[in-house]
Amino acid sequence: MYQEIDLEIDLDKIDIHAEPPIEEPARQYYFMAKCRKWVKGFEQRNGHLPKSCVLNFGCQMNARDSEKLRGILREIGYIETAEDEADFVIYNTCTVRENANTRVYGRLGQLKPRKKKNPHMMIGLCGCMMQEPEVVEKLKKSYRFVDIIFGTHNIYKFAELLSTRLESERMVVDIWKDTDKIVENLPNQRKYGFKSGINIMFGCNNFCSYCIVPYVRGRERSRAPQEIIGEIKRLVADGVSEVMLLGQNVNSYGKTLNTPMTFAKLLQEIEKVDGLQRIRFMTSHPKDLSDELIEVMGNSKKICKHLHLPVQSGSTDILTKMNRRYTKEQYLSLVEKIRKAVPDISLTTDIIVGFPGETEADFEETLDVVRKVQYDSAFTFIYSKRTGTPAAVMENQVPEEVIKNRFDRLLKEVQTIAAKACAVHEGTVKEVLVEDICDHDPKMVTGRLSNNLLVHFYGGKELIGTYVDVLLKECRGFYYIGEMAEAGKAS
């Protein structure tokens, strides 16, 4: 794990007997210092430092939030470990689909007997699921053994909430309905030394009729560009060469700033950072993908040749019911523009099957889009009714057996097309960022192309974090088997 601390602060020099500061992030460092004192006491009583485990159940935004939690815990003095050995287990939850909630309740049930045997053990819950009032009420009533509950808007307050719990020994619940606050310069502990996610904005204003995210993540708010650039420069100085810019809809970045700035302009500024080699971003909403952004992507030397552009449905009627605010024809026209500006772009997407009112003709429109766009891959989902969204109360809910049949047909079509689309690079030499040892063969390493495809080839751990030219010998659906190229530049 790789630690980022943006401020040079010695927690041991903070006077924890004084009143806590009002301003952030100084207030949180004060509470980190208080928690560190408790950790030292724990070590004296038990002969070892307390152990923690943060488990992420959600999207890449959640994953970045989890890195912040890990960074704060590490600064306090916790040692990271596996869930079954942890004194403090934190679930960073997702609520996009109903079964995500069920999964968390199941995991809590497994933790209950462990906590009975270990009275000093703590359990924390945060993330999108906690923003649902009925969830919090259920936890307070039926899961009293949970120690800390907080949501998506006050992740930065984690140290303060933990300090409150350690002092009071009662359940601490702190849920905000919304916020316009963005707190910078707190610790982070990222997974990789050579790449990192970067939050550029939070929340969403789109209110797609099937989606709970705007209700649990709040309204859009963008980080100041100088804060983003400053963070990237610090990351690059710490060995990062690839960044992933994160937001629920990065294409609408900058609209809430005092001095508005487009996402395309932000990308141009980020590209100027010396030492940064790759820029990725997600997620892009088609209605906000501008000609300016397409032009910047086409001219860029650092923006990766991959665009995730969720279509959700190929039927204009269904798209209207989804409140997506584009038509099938507009989406296909957008794809044509992108392919013209960036001919070797890899396009991926999200598709929902079985949205209320979806007819067979609507579904055939979706298949038509898949065939015309020729996606490199697609995340296909069966529609999940989410209480609190407009779609949940729509008439003409599609029967389960019909949805299953359509889902299977779509998946077959996507896999067939994707296998052909990915195979076009066979026999070429491409630049690969090596990310890890291969899961299936420890003699191989796994890397990623600019277009996001995975490549496995023989090599050692010394290659991790480096860029290597690799001959793509054999395409196996969604990944390649390759070998290091002896000479020649990546094509």
Protein backbone atom coordinates (compact mmCIF):
# COMPACT_ATOMS: atom_id res chain seq x y z
CA MET A 1 0.00 0.00 0.00
CA TYR A 2 1.16 3.53 -0.76
CA GLN A 3 0.55 6.41 1.63
CA GLU A 4 -0.26 9.94 0.55
CA ILE A 5 -0.32 12.67 3.19
CA ASP A 6 -0.72 16.07 1.66
CA LEU A 7 0.19 18.04 4.80
CA GLU A 8 3.36 17.62 6.84
CA ILE A 9 1.70 17.20 10.22
CA ASP A 10 3.17 15.47 13.28
CA LEU A 11 0.19 14.08 15.17
CA ASP A 12 2.26 13.57 18.32
CA LYS A 13 2.81 17.33 18.54
CA ILE A 14 -0.89 18.21 18.47
CA ASP A 15 -2.30 19.29 21.85
CA ILE A 16 -5.28 16.97 22.25
CA HIS A 17 -6.25 18.66 25.54
CA ALA A 18 -6.99 21.93 23.76
CA GLU A 19 -10.30 22.68 22.08
CA PRO A 20 -10.54 21.08 18.63
CA PRO A 21 -10.02 23.48 15.69
CA ILE A 22 -13.08 24.62 13.77
CA GLU A 23 -11.43 24.74 10.35
CA GLU A 24 -10.85 21.64 8.21
CA PRO A 25 -8.69 19.66 7.75
CA ALA A 26 -6.91 20.78 10.96
CA ARG A 27 -9.93 19.59 12.94
CA GLN A 28 -9.59 16.06 11.58
CA TYR A 29 -5.86 15.91 12.31
CA TYR A 30 -6.69 16.87 15.90
CA PHE A 31 -9.04 13.87 16.17
CA MET A 32 -6.49 11.63 14.46
CA ALA A 33 -4.08 12.60 17.23
CA LYS A 34 -6.69 11.70 19.87
CA CYS A 35 -7.31 8.33 18.21
CA ARG A 36 -3.57 7.68 18.01
CA LYS A 37 -3.32 8.10 21.78
CA TRP A 38 -6.04 5.46 22.18
CA VAL A 39 -4.16 3.16 19.77
CA LYS A 40 -1.02 3.44 21.89
CA GLY A 41 -3.04 2.53 24.95
CA PHE A 42 -4.48 -0.47 23.11
CA GLU A 43 -0.96 -1.59 22.25
CA GLN A 44 0.14 -1.34 25.90
CA ARG A 45 -2.86 -3.35 27.10
CA ASN A 46 -2.78 -6.03 24.40
CA GLY A 47 0.85 -6.25 23.32
CA HIS A 48 0.12 -5.41 19.69
CA LEU A 49 -1.30 -2.61 17.55
CA PRO A 50 -4.99 -2.87 16.59
CA LYS A 51 -5.75 -4.25 13.14
CA SER A 52 -8.23 -2.87 10.62
CA CYS A 53 -9.89 -3.94 7.38
CA VAL A 54 -11.78 -1.67 4.99
CA LEU A 55 -13.90 -3.58 2.48
CA ASN A 56 -15.26 -1.80 -0.57
CA PHE A 57 -18.55 -2.96 -2.09
CA GLY A 58 -19.08 -0.24 -4.67
CA CYS A 59 -17.83 1.72 -7.65
CA GLN A 60 -14.48 3.40 -8.26
CA MET A 61 -15.71 6.48 -6.38
CA ASN A 62 -16.26 4.20 -3.39
CA ALA A 63 -12.84 2.65 -3.92
CA ARG A 64 -11.21 6.09 -3.69
CA ASP A 65 -13.22 6.83 -0.53
CA SER A 66 -11.96 3.54 0.92
CA GLU A 67 -8.38 4.64 0.25
CA LYS A 68 -9.07 7.74 2.33
CA LEU A 69 -10.38 5.62 5.21
CA ARG A 70 -7.31 3.37 5.02
CA GLY A 71 -5.03 6.39 4.97
CA ILE A 72 -6.62 7.85 8.10
CA LEU A 73 -6.47 4.49 9.91
CA ARG A 74 -2.83 4.07 9.01
CA GLU A 75 -2.02 7.58 10.25
CA ILE A 76 -3.78 6.78 13.54
CA GLY A 77 -1.70 3.62 13.93
CA TYR A 78 -3.88 0.74 12.80
CA ILE A 79 -2.28 -2.17 10.95
CA GLU A 80 -4.12 -3.34 7.84
CA THR A 81 -5.09 -7.00 7.78
CA ALA A 82 -7.68 -9.48 6.46
CA GLU A 83 -11.31 -9.21 7.56
CA ASP A 84 -11.20 -12.33 9.74
CA GLU A 85 -8.26 -10.97 11.76
CA ALA A 86 -9.38 -7.35 12.10
CA ASP A 87 -10.24 -5.56 15.34
CA PHE A 88 -12.04 -2.91 13.28
CA VAL A 89 -14.02 -3.91 10.18
CA ILE A 90 -15.49 -1.20 7.92
CA TYR A 91 -17.87 -1.88 5.05
CA ASN A 92 -18.01 0.89 2.44
CA THR A 93 -21.39 0.04 0.95
CA CYS A 94 -23.12 0.31 -2.41
CA THR A 95 -26.86 0.57 -2.97
CA VAL A 96 -27.21 0.68 -6.75
CA ARG A 97 -28.96 -2.71 -6.66
CA GLU A 98 -31.19 -4.28 -4.03
CA ASN A 99 -28.98 -7.35 -3.61
CA ALA A 100 -26.08 -5.11 -2.55
CA ASN A 101 -28.01 -4.26 0.63
CA THR A 102 -28.84 -7.92 1.27
CA ARG A 103 -25.17 -8.80 0.94
CA VAL A 104 -24.16 -6.30 3.63
CA TYR A 105 -26.80 -7.57 6.08
CA GLY A 106 -25.48 -11.10 5.51
CA ARG A 107 -21.91 -10.03 6.24
CA LEU A 108 -23.03 -8.25 9.41
CA GLY A 109 -24.73 -11.43 10.58
CA GLN A 110 -21.42 -13.26 10.21
CA LEU A 111 -19.60 -10.59 12.26
CA LYS A 112 -22.01 -10.64 15.21
CA PRO A 113 -20.69 -13.83 16.90
CA ARG A 114 -17.09 -12.62 16.37
CA LYS A 115 -17.86 -9.39 18.16
CA LYS A 116 -19.45 -11.25 21.08
CA LYS A 117 -16.17 -13.13 21.58
CA ASN A 118 -14.07 -9.96 21.10
CA PRO A 119 -15.62 -7.09 23.08
CA HIS A 120 -12.97 -4.61 21.86
CA MET A 121 -13.87 -5.31 18.20
CA MET A 122 -15.59 -2.49 16.28
CA ILE A 123 -17.72 -2.45 13.14
CA GLY A 124 -18.21 0.57 10.89
CA LEU A 125 -20.62 1.11 8.01
CA CYS A 126 -20.44 3.93 5.48
CA GLY A 127 -21.18 4.64 1.83
CA CYS A 128 -24.29 4.92 -0.31
CA MET A 129 -26.44 2.34 1.49
CA MET A 130 -26.20 4.42 4.68
CA GLN A 131 -27.87 7.37 2.93
CA GLU A 132 -31.17 5.46 2.89
CA PRO A 133 -33.17 6.42 6.03
CA GLU A 134 -34.92 3.03 6.24
CA VAL A 135 -31.54 1.27 6.22
CA VAL A 136 -30.25 3.34 9.14
CA GLU A 137 -33.45 2.70 11.11
CA LYS A 138 -33.12 -1.04 10.53
CA LEU A 139 -29.50 -0.98 11.67
CA LYS A 140 -30.35 0.98 14.83
CA LYS A 141 -33.13 -1.47 15.66
CA SER A 142 -31.77 -4.87 14.60
CA TYR A 143 -27.98 -4.42 14.40
CA ARG A 144 -27.17 -2.62 17.64
CA PHE A 145 -23.71 -4.17 17.67
CA VAL A 146 -22.58 -1.84 14.84
CA ASP A 147 -20.40 0.95 16.24
CA ILE A 148 -20.19 3.71 13.60
CA ILE A 149 -22.59 4.61 10.79
CA PHE A 150 -21.92 7.46 8.35
CA GLY A 151 -22.69 8.23 4.74
CA THR A 152 -21.14 9.56 1.56
CA HIS A 153 -21.03 13.27 2.41
CA ASN A 154 -18.89 13.16 5.56
CA ILE A 155 -16.20 10.59 4.80
CA TYR A 156 -13.67 13.26 5.76
CA LYS A 157 -15.09 13.22 9.35
CA PHE A 158 -14.07 9.59 9.91
CA ALA A 159 -11.41 10.36 12.54
CA GLU A 160 -13.83 12.58 14.47
CA LEU A 161 -16.53 9.90 14.44
CA LEU A 162 -14.06 7.24 15.53
CA SER A 163 -12.86 9.47 18.38
CA THR A 164 -16.46 9.98 19.51
CA ARG A 165 -17.06 6.22 19.50
CA LEU A 166 -13.88 5.48 21.48
CA GLU A 167 -14.84 8.01 24.14
CA SER A 168 -18.55 7.20 24.43
CA GLU A 169 -18.67 3.44 23.73
CA ARG A 170 -22.06 3.86 22.07
CA MET A 171 -23.30 3.60 18.50
CA VAL A 172 -22.34 6.74 16.58
CA VAL A 173 -24.65 7.70 13.71
CA ASP A 174 -23.84 10.73 11.54
CA ILE A 175 -25.78 10.95 8.26
CA TRP A 176 -26.04 14.11 6.19
CA LYS A 177 -28.80 14.59 3.63
CA ASP A 178 -26.54 16.64 1.36
CA THR A 179 -23.49 18.89 1.44
CA ASP A 180 -21.59 21.43 -0.60
CA LYS A 181 -18.38 20.85 1.38
CA ILE A 182 -15.19 19.41 -0.10
CA VAL A 183 -12.35 18.88 2.38
CA GLU A 184 -8.86 18.65 0.88
CA ASN A 185 -5.48 17.45 2.18
CA LEU A 186 -6.34 14.37 4.22
CA PRO A 187 -4.33 11.13 4.23
CA ASN A 188 -4.87 8.50 1.55
CA GLN A 189 -3.54 5.01 1.16
CA ARG A 190 -3.71 3.94 -2.45
CA LYS A 191 -3.51 0.39 -3.73
CA TYR A 192 -0.83 0.93 -6.39
CA GLY A 193 2.35 2.97 -6.38
CA PHE A 194 2.17 3.80 -10.08
CA LYS A 195 -1.50 4.68 -10.65
CA SER A 196 -4.26 6.37 -8.70
CA GLY A 197 -7.86 7.48 -8.87
CA ILE A 198 -8.56 11.21 -8.48
CA ASN A 199 -11.95 12.59 -7.49
CA ILE A 200 -12.62 15.63 -9.66
CA MET A 201 -16.28 16.02 -8.64
CA PHE A 202 -18.92 14.53 -6.41
CA GLY A 203 -22.64 13.92 -6.76
CA CYS A 204 -24.96 13.86 -9.77
CA ASN A 205 -27.68 16.12 -11.17
CA ASN A 206 -29.06 13.79 -13.82
CA PHE A 207 -31.77 11.86 -11.93
CA CYS A 208 -32.08 8.95 -14.34
CA SER A 209 -35.37 7.36 -13.37
CA TYR A 210 -33.84 4.00 -12.40
CA CYS A 211 -30.91 5.38 -10.40
CA ILE A 212 -30.62 6.01 -6.66
CA VAL A 213 -27.18 7.68 -6.92
CA PRO A 214 -28.32 11.36 -6.93
CA TYR A 215 -30.33 10.68 -3.79
CA VAL A 216 -27.40 9.10 -1.91
CA ARG A 217 -24.44 11.01 -3.39
CA GLY A 218 -26.12 14.42 -3.51
CA ARG A 219 -25.98 17.17 -6.09
CA GLU A 220 -22.97 17.89 -8.29
CA ARG A 221 -20.04 19.76 -6.82
CA SER A 222 -16.69 20.11 -8.56
CA ARG A 223 -13.27 20.35 -6.97
CA ALA A 224 -11.24 23.43 -7.79
CA PRO A 225 -8.90 22.79 -10.74
CA GLN A 226 -5.84 23.98 -8.80
CA GLU A 227 -6.58 21.38 -6.09
CA ILE A 228 -6.84 18.62 -8.70
CA ILE A 229 -3.66 19.68 -10.49
CA GLY A 230 -1.82 20.01 -7.17
CA GLU A 231 -2.86 16.52 -6.10
CA ILE A 232 -1.77 15.04 -9.44
CA LYS A 233 1.63 16.76 -9.22
CA ARG A 234 2.17 15.32 -5.74
CA LEU A 235 1.15 11.87 -6.96
CA VAL A 236 3.53 12.06 -9.92
CA ALA A 237 6.33 13.11 -7.58
CA ASP A 238 5.48 9.99 -5.56
CA GLY A 239 5.83 7.68 -8.58
CA VAL A 240 2.36 7.76 -10.16
CA SER A 241 2.35 7.78 -13.97
CA GLU A 242 -1.35 7.07 -14.65
CA VAL A 243 -4.40 8.77 -13.15
CA MET A 244 -8.10 7.93 -13.39
CA LEU A 245 -10.30 11.04 -13.07
CA LEU A 246 -13.46 10.07 -11.21
CA GLY A 247 -16.97 11.47 -11.07
CA GLN A 248 -20.55 10.31 -11.53
CA ASN A 249 -20.58 12.41 -14.72
CA VAL A 250 -17.16 13.86 -15.48
CA ASN A 251 -18.46 15.54 -18.64
CA SER A 252 -20.36 18.07 -16.52
CA TYR A 253 -17.29 18.99 -14.48
CA GLY A 254 -16.84 22.64 -13.61
CA LYS A 255 -20.41 23.90 -13.75
CA THR A 256 -20.56 24.56 -10.00
CA LEU A 257 -17.23 26.41 -9.77
CA ASN A 258 -17.16 30.15 -9.09
CA THR A 259 -15.26 30.43 -12.36
CA PRO A 260 -16.75 27.70 -14.57
CA MET A 261 -14.34 25.42 -16.43
CA THR A 262 -15.14 22.67 -18.90
CA PHE A 263 -13.91 19.12 -18.50
CA ALA A 264 -12.05 19.46 -21.79
CA LYS A 265 -10.12 22.46 -20.44
CA LEU A 266 -9.31 20.58 -17.23
CA LEU A 267 -7.90 17.69 -19.29
CA GLN A 268 -5.70 20.10 -21.22
CA GLU A 269 -4.30 21.47 -17.96
CA ILE A 270 -3.70 17.99 -16.55
CA GLU A 271 -1.87 16.99 -19.72
CA LYS A 272 0.74 19.68 -18.98
CA VAL A 273 1.85 17.90 -15.79
CA ASP A 274 5.41 16.68 -16.38
CA GLY A 275 5.98 13.00 -15.68
CA LEU A 276 2.33 12.01 -16.10
CA GLN A 277 2.04 9.48 -18.92
CA ARG A 278 -1.59 8.32 -18.97
CA ILE A 279 -4.94 9.96 -18.24
CA ARG A 280 -8.15 7.97 -17.90
CA PHE A 281 -11.62 9.11 -16.82
CA MET A 282 -15.07 7.82 -16.05
CA THR A 283 -18.00 7.99 -16.20
CA SER A 284 -19.14 9.96 -19.26
CA HIS A 285 -22.78 10.82 -19.83
CA PRO A 286 -23.54 10.95 -23.58
CA LYS A 287 -25.71 14.07 -23.30
CA ASP A 288 -22.77 16.11 -21.97
CA LEU A 289 -19.97 14.80 -24.20
CA SER A 290 -19.04 17.92 -26.15
CA ASP A 291 -17.34 18.45 -29.48
CA GLU A 292 -14.64 20.29 -27.54
CA LEU A 293 -13.94 17.16 -25.47
CA ILE A 294 -13.83 14.96 -28.57
CA GLU A 295 -11.31 17.34 -30.17
CA VAL A 296 -9.14 17.33 -27.03
CA MET A 297 -9.20 13.51 -26.94
CA GLY A 298 -8.22 13.35 -30.59
CA ASN A 299 -5.25 15.69 -30.14
CA SER A 300 -4.02 14.35 -26.81
CA LYS A 301 -0.81 12.36 -26.34
CA LYS A 302 -1.74 11.25 -22.81
CA ILE A 303 -5.49 10.56 -22.75
CA CYS A 304 -5.97 6.80 -23.06
CA LYS A 305 -7.67 5.37 -26.12
CA HIS A 306 -10.65 4.19 -24.13
CA LEU A 307 -14.04 5.75 -23.53
CA HIS A 308 -16.75 4.28 -21.32
CA LEU A 309 -20.00 5.68 -22.74
CA PRO A 310 -23.09 4.12 -21.12
CA VAL A 311 -25.98 3.76 -23.55
CA GLN A 312 -28.33 1.87 -21.14
CA SER A 313 -30.85 1.19 -23.95
CA GLY A 314 -31.03 1.45 -27.73
CA SER A 315 -34.69 2.43 -27.72
CA THR A 316 -35.46 6.14 -27.78
CA ASP A 317 -38.79 5.47 -26.05
CA ILE A 318 -37.07 3.65 -23.18
CA LEU A 319 -34.31 6.27 -23.02
CA THR A 320 -37.04 8.90 -22.56
CA LYS A 321 -38.58 6.89 -19.71
CA MET A 322 -35.10 6.53 -18.22
CA ASN A 323 -34.69 10.34 -18.37
CA ARG A 324 -31.40 9.93 -20.23
CA ARG A 325 -32.04 12.99 -22.44
CA TYR A 326 -30.63 11.70 -25.72
CA THR A 327 -32.06 9.58 -28.51
CA LYS A 328 -30.73 6.47 -30.19
CA GLU A 329 -29.84 8.53 -33.24
CA GLN A 330 -27.99 11.14 -31.17
CA TYR A 331 -25.98 8.44 -29.42
CA LEU A 332 -24.97 6.80 -32.72
CA SER A 333 -24.05 10.19 -34.16
CA LEU A 334 -21.87 10.83 -31.11
CA VAL A 335 -20.10 7.50 -31.58
CA GLU A 336 -19.44 8.38 -35.23
CA LYS A 337 -17.84 11.69 -34.19
CA ILE A 338 -15.66 9.98 -31.60
CA ARG A 339 -14.46 7.28 -34.00
CA LYS A 340 -13.64 9.91 -36.63
CA ALA A 341 -11.56 11.96 -34.15
CA VAL A 342 -9.95 8.95 -32.42
CA PRO A 343 -9.96 6.07 -34.94
CA ASP A 344 -8.35 3.55 -32.57
CA ILE A 345 -10.65 4.34 -29.64
CA SER A 346 -11.96 1.44 -27.56
CA LEU A 347 -15.61 1.96 -26.65
CA THR A 348 -17.28 0.24 -23.70
CA THR A 349 -20.76 0.71 -22.29
CA ASP A 350 -23.46 -0.16 -19.75
CA ILE A 351 -26.77 -1.69 -20.81
CA ILE A 352 -29.89 -2.35 -18.72
CA VAL A 353 -32.25 -5.13 -19.78
CA GLY A 354 -35.89 -5.28 -18.70
CA PHE A 355 -36.59 -1.64 -17.85
CA PRO A 356 -40.33 -1.13 -17.16
CA GLY A 357 -42.29 -1.05 -20.40
CA GLU A 358 -39.48 -2.52 -22.53
CA THR A 359 -41.02 -4.38 -25.47
CA GLU A 360 -39.38 -6.88 -27.77
CA ALA A 361 -39.10 -4.10 -30.37
CA ASP A 362 -37.33 -1.90 -27.80
CA PHE A 363 -34.92 -4.71 -27.02
CA GLU A 364 -34.18 -5.23 -30.72
CA GLU A 365 -33.24 -1.53 -30.89
CA THR A 366 -30.66 -2.19 -28.17
CA LEU A 367 -29.24 -5.13 -30.12
CA ASP A 368 -29.09 -2.88 -33.17
CA VAL A 369 -26.96 -0.32 -31.28
CA VAL A 370 -24.63 -3.06 -30.05
CA ARG A 371 -24.14 -4.29 -33.64
CA LYS A 372 -23.58 -0.82 -35.04
CA VAL A 373 -21.19 0.43 -32.35
CA GLN A 374 -19.16 -2.80 -32.04
CA TYR A 375 -18.25 -2.33 -28.36
CA ASP A 376 -15.01 -3.76 -27.04
CA SER A 377 -16.96 -4.79 -23.96
CA ALA A 378 -20.25 -4.06 -22.26
CA PHE A 379 -21.46 -4.31 -18.70
CA THR A 380 -24.93 -5.82 -18.98
CA PHE A 381 -27.40 -5.56 -16.11
CA ILE A 382 -30.84 -6.90 -15.37
CA TYR A 383 -33.05 -4.00 -14.28
CA SER A 384 -33.13 -3.76 -10.48
CA LYS A 385 -36.09 -1.99 -8.89
CA ARG A 386 -34.78 0.56 -6.40
CA THR A 387 -37.27 1.89 -3.88
CA GLY A 388 -37.36 5.68 -4.00
CA THR A 389 -36.74 6.00 -7.74
CA PRO A 390 -39.44 6.93 -10.29
CA ALA A 391 -38.92 3.68 -12.23
CA ALA A 392 -39.82 1.57 -9.19
CA VAL A 393 -43.48 2.62 -9.42
CA MET A 394 -43.78 2.55 -13.22
CA GLU A 395 -46.39 0.32 -14.78
CA ASN A 396 -45.61 -2.58 -17.15
CA GLN A 397 -42.79 -4.13 -15.13
CA VAL A 398 -41.27 -6.79 -17.42
CA PRO A 399 -41.77 -10.46 -16.37
CA GLU A 400 -38.66 -12.14 -14.97
CA GLU A 401 -38.58 -14.94 -17.56
CA VAL A 402 -38.72 -12.39 -20.41
CA ILE A 403 -35.87 -10.39 -18.89
CA LYS A 404 -33.76 -13.52 -18.47
CA ASN A 405 -34.26 -14.51 -22.11
CA ARG A 406 -33.31 -11.04 -23.35
CA PHE A 407 -30.33 -10.82 -21.04
CA ASP A 408 -28.92 -14.11 -22.34
CA ARG A 409 -29.38 -13.02 -25.95
CA LEU A 410 -27.73 -9.66 -25.31
CA LEU A 411 -24.80 -11.24 -23.49
CA LYS A 412 -24.18 -13.65 -26.37
CA GLU A 413 -24.27 -10.79 -28.89
CA VAL A 414 -21.94 -8.60 -26.80
CA GLN A 415 -19.41 -11.39 -26.28
CA THR A 416 -19.35 -12.37 -29.96
CA ILE A 417 -18.84 -8.79 -31.15
CA ALA A 418 -16.34 -7.92 -28.40
CA ALA A 419 -14.17 -10.94 -29.21
CA LYS A 420 -13.86 -9.72 -32.82
CA ALA A 421 -13.39 -6.07 -31.83
CA CYS A 422 -10.60 -6.89 -29.37
CA ALA A 423 -8.83 -9.25 -31.78
CA VAL A 424 -7.96 -6.51 -34.27
CA HIS A 425 -4.72 -5.80 -32.38
CA GLU A 426 -3.42 -9.36 -32.73
CA GLY A 427 0.14 -9.40 -34.10
CA THR A 428 0.88 -5.77 -33.22
CA VAL A 429 3.28 -4.34 -30.65
CA LYS A 430 1.65 -2.12 -28.01
CA GLU A 431 2.79 -0.28 -24.91
CA VAL A 432 1.64 -1.96 -21.70
CA LEU A 433 1.66 -0.61 -18.16
CA VAL A 434 2.50 -3.65 -16.01
CA GLU A 435 0.17 -3.78 -13.00
CA ASP A 436 0.67 -7.03 -11.12
CA ILE A 437 1.68 -10.68 -11.09
CA CYS A 438 -0.80 -12.72 -13.14
CA ASP A 439 -3.49 -14.39 -11.01
CA HIS A 440 -3.34 -17.60 -13.07
CA ASP A 441 0.40 -18.01 -13.53
CA PRO A 442 2.98 -16.53 -11.12
CA LYS A 443 5.60 -16.65 -13.87
CA MET A 444 3.59 -14.10 -15.85
CA VAL A 445 2.68 -10.46 -15.25
CA THR A 446 -0.53 -8.63 -16.13
CA GLY A 447 -0.59 -5.24 -17.77
CA ARG A 448 -3.04 -2.90 -19.41
CA LEU A 449 -3.05 -1.29 -22.84
CA SER A 450 -4.04 2.32 -23.39
CA ASN A 451 -7.40 0.98 -24.64
CA ASN A 452 -7.89 -0.79 -21.26
CA LEU A 453 -7.43 -4.36 -22.55
CA LEU A 454 -5.49 -6.71 -20.29
CA VAL A 455 -2.35 -8.51 -21.45
CA HIS A 456 -0.61 -11.45 -19.76
CA PHE A 457 3.02 -12.20 -20.63
CA TYR A 458 6.08 -13.84 -19.06
CA GLY A 459 8.01 -11.50 -16.80
CA GLY A 460 8.98 -10.81 -13.20
CA LYS A 461 7.72 -8.52 -10.45
CA GLU A 462 10.48 -6.01 -11.24
CA LEU A 463 8.38 -4.97 -14.26
CA ILE A 464 5.42 -3.85 -12.12
CA GLY A 465 4.81 -0.14 -12.59
CA THR A 466 6.88 0.09 -15.79
CA TYR A 467 5.87 0.54 -19.42
CA VAL A 468 6.85 -2.35 -21.68
CA ASP A 469 6.44 -2.91 -25.42
CA VAL A 470 4.58 -6.20 -25.85
CA LEU A 471 3.82 -8.25 -28.95
CA LEU A 472 0.14 -9.25 -28.77
CA LYS A 473 0.33 -12.85 -29.94
CA GLU A 474 -3.11 -14.27 -29.17
CA CYS A 475 -6.45 -12.68 -28.32
CA ARG A 476 -8.54 -14.71 -25.91
CA GLY A 477 -11.77 -12.79 -25.86
CA PHE A 478 -11.26 -9.87 -23.48
CA TYR A 479 -7.52 -10.24 -22.93
CA TYR A 480 -4.29 -11.04 -24.77
CA ILE A 481 -1.40 -13.43 -24.31
CA GLY A 482 1.75 -11.61 -25.39
CA GLU A 483 5.50 -11.56 -25.13
CA MET A 484 7.96 -8.74 -24.55
CA ALA A 485 9.03 -7.15 -27.80
CA GLU A 486 12.79 -7.25 -28.21
CA ALA A 487 12.94 -4.06 -30.24
CA GLY A 488 10.77 -1.42 -31.79
CA LYS A 489 8.40 1.18 -30.44
CA ALA A 490 4.76 0.58 -29.59
CA SER A 491 2.49 1.06 -32.56
